[in-house]
């Protein structure tokens, strides 16, 4: 197992970094939603996510 990790260290590190970015982005979006902010900038009539 250690040999596999050592042979693929760059792939493992890049995967960890990408996973961290995705998790941080999800945390940011959840916090923004709890504050009542929308992902989009406005409310379109044709948008299904628009709450009136």
C-alpha atoms as a PDB file:
ATOM      1  CA  UNK A   1       0.000   0.000   0.000  1.00  0.00           C
ATOM      2  CA  UNK A   2       2.809   2.414   0.870  1.00  0.00           C
ATOM      3  CA  UNK A   3       4.545   1.588  -2.385  1.00  0.00           C
ATOM      4  CA  UNK A   4       1.369   2.402  -4.324  1.00  0.00           C
ATOM      5  CA  UNK A   5       1.056   5.769  -2.570  1.00  0.00           C
ATOM      6  CA  UNK A   6       4.717   6.588  -3.188  1.00  0.00           C
ATOM      7  CA  UNK A   7       4.458   5.634  -6.864  1.00  0.00           C
ATOM      8  CA  UNK A   8       1.350   7.799  -7.290  1.00  0.00           C
ATOM      9  CA  UNK A   9       2.187  10.627  -4.890  1.00  0.00           C
ATOM     10  CA  UNK A  10       1.479  13.426  -7.362  1.00  0.00           C
ATOM     11  CA  UNK A  11      -1.908  11.970  -8.280  1.00  0.00           C
ATOM     12  CA  UNK A  12      -2.806  11.510  -4.622  1.00  0.00           C
ATOM     13  CA  UNK A  13      -1.804  15.100  -3.765  1.00  0.00           C
ATOM     14  CA  UNK A  14      -3.732  16.591  -6.683  1.00  0.00           C
ATOM     15  CA  UNK A  15      -6.775  14.510  -5.754  1.00  0.00           C
ATOM     16  CA  UNK A  16      -6.599  15.739  -2.151  1.00  0.00           C
ATOM     17  CA  UNK A  17      -6.326  19.358  -3.309  1.00  0.00           C
ATOM     18  CA  UNK A  18      -9.271  19.027  -5.703  1.00  0.00           C
ATOM     19  CA  UNK A  19     -11.369  17.358  -3.012  1.00  0.00           C
ATOM     20  CA  UNK A  20     -10.517  20.151  -0.550  1.00  0.00           C
ATOM     21  CA  UNK A  21     -11.552  22.818  -3.074  1.00  0.00           C
ATOM     22  CA  UNK A  22     -14.865  21.064  -3.719  1.00  0.00           C
ATOM     23  CA  UNK A  23     -15.580  20.727   0.012  1.00  0.00           C
ATOM     24  CA  UNK A  24     -14.724  24.384   0.666  1.00  0.00           C
ATOM     25  CA  UNK A  25     -16.974  25.447  -2.215  1.00  0.00           C
ATOM     26  CA  UNK A  26     -19.856  23.378  -0.833  1.00  0.00           C
ATOM     27  CA  UNK A  27     -19.373  24.898   2.631  1.00  0.00           C
ATOM     28  CA  UNK A  28     -19.404  28.388   1.096  1.00  0.00           C
ATOM     29  CA  UNK A  29     -22.624  27.686  -0.813  1.00  0.00           C
ATOM     30  CA  UNK A  30     -24.355  26.259   2.271  1.00  0.00           C
ATOM     31  CA  UNK A  31     -23.376  29.308   4.344  1.00  0.00           C
ATOM     32  CA  UNK A  32     -24.632  31.660   1.635  1.00  0.00           C
ATOM     33  CA  UNK A  33     -27.930  29.792   1.452  1.00  0.00           C
ATOM     34  CA  UNK A  34     -28.349  29.978   5.244  1.00  0.00           C
ATOM     35  CA  UNK A  35     -27.791  33.750   5.054  1.00  0.00           C
ATOM     36  CA  UNK A  36     -30.591  33.953   2.508  1.00  0.00           C
ATOM     37  CA  UNK A  37     -28.413  34.894  -0.428  1.00  0.00           C
ATOM     38  CA  UNK A  38     -29.136  33.383  -3.809  1.00  0.00           C
ATOM     39  CA  UNK A  39     -26.616  31.786  -6.135  1.00  0.00           C
ATOM     40  CA  UNK A  40     -27.933  33.768  -9.075  1.00  0.00           C
ATOM     41  CA  UNK A  41     -28.048  37.561  -9.153  1.00  0.00           C
ATOM     42  CA  UNK A  42     -31.729  38.028  -9.824  1.00  0.00           C
ATOM     43  CA  UNK A  43     -35.155  36.531 -10.094  1.00  0.00           C
ATOM     44  CA  UNK A  44     -36.343  35.660 -13.570  1.00  0.00           C
ATOM     45  CA  UNK A  45     -39.948  34.824 -14.352  1.00  0.00           C
ATOM     46  CA  UNK A  46     -38.934  31.654 -16.161  1.00  0.00           C
ATOM     47  CA  UNK A  47     -36.629  30.485 -13.360  1.00  0.00           C
ATOM     48  CA  UNK A  48     -38.006  27.556 -11.363  1.00  0.00           C
ATOM     49  CA  UNK A  49     -35.914  28.491  -8.328  1.00  0.00           C
ATOM     50  CA  UNK A  50     -37.487  31.929  -8.005  1.00  0.00           C
ATOM     51  CA  UNK A  51     -39.485  32.366  -4.808  1.00  0.00           C
ATOM     52  CA  UNK A  52     -42.037  35.137  -4.664  1.00  0.00           C
END
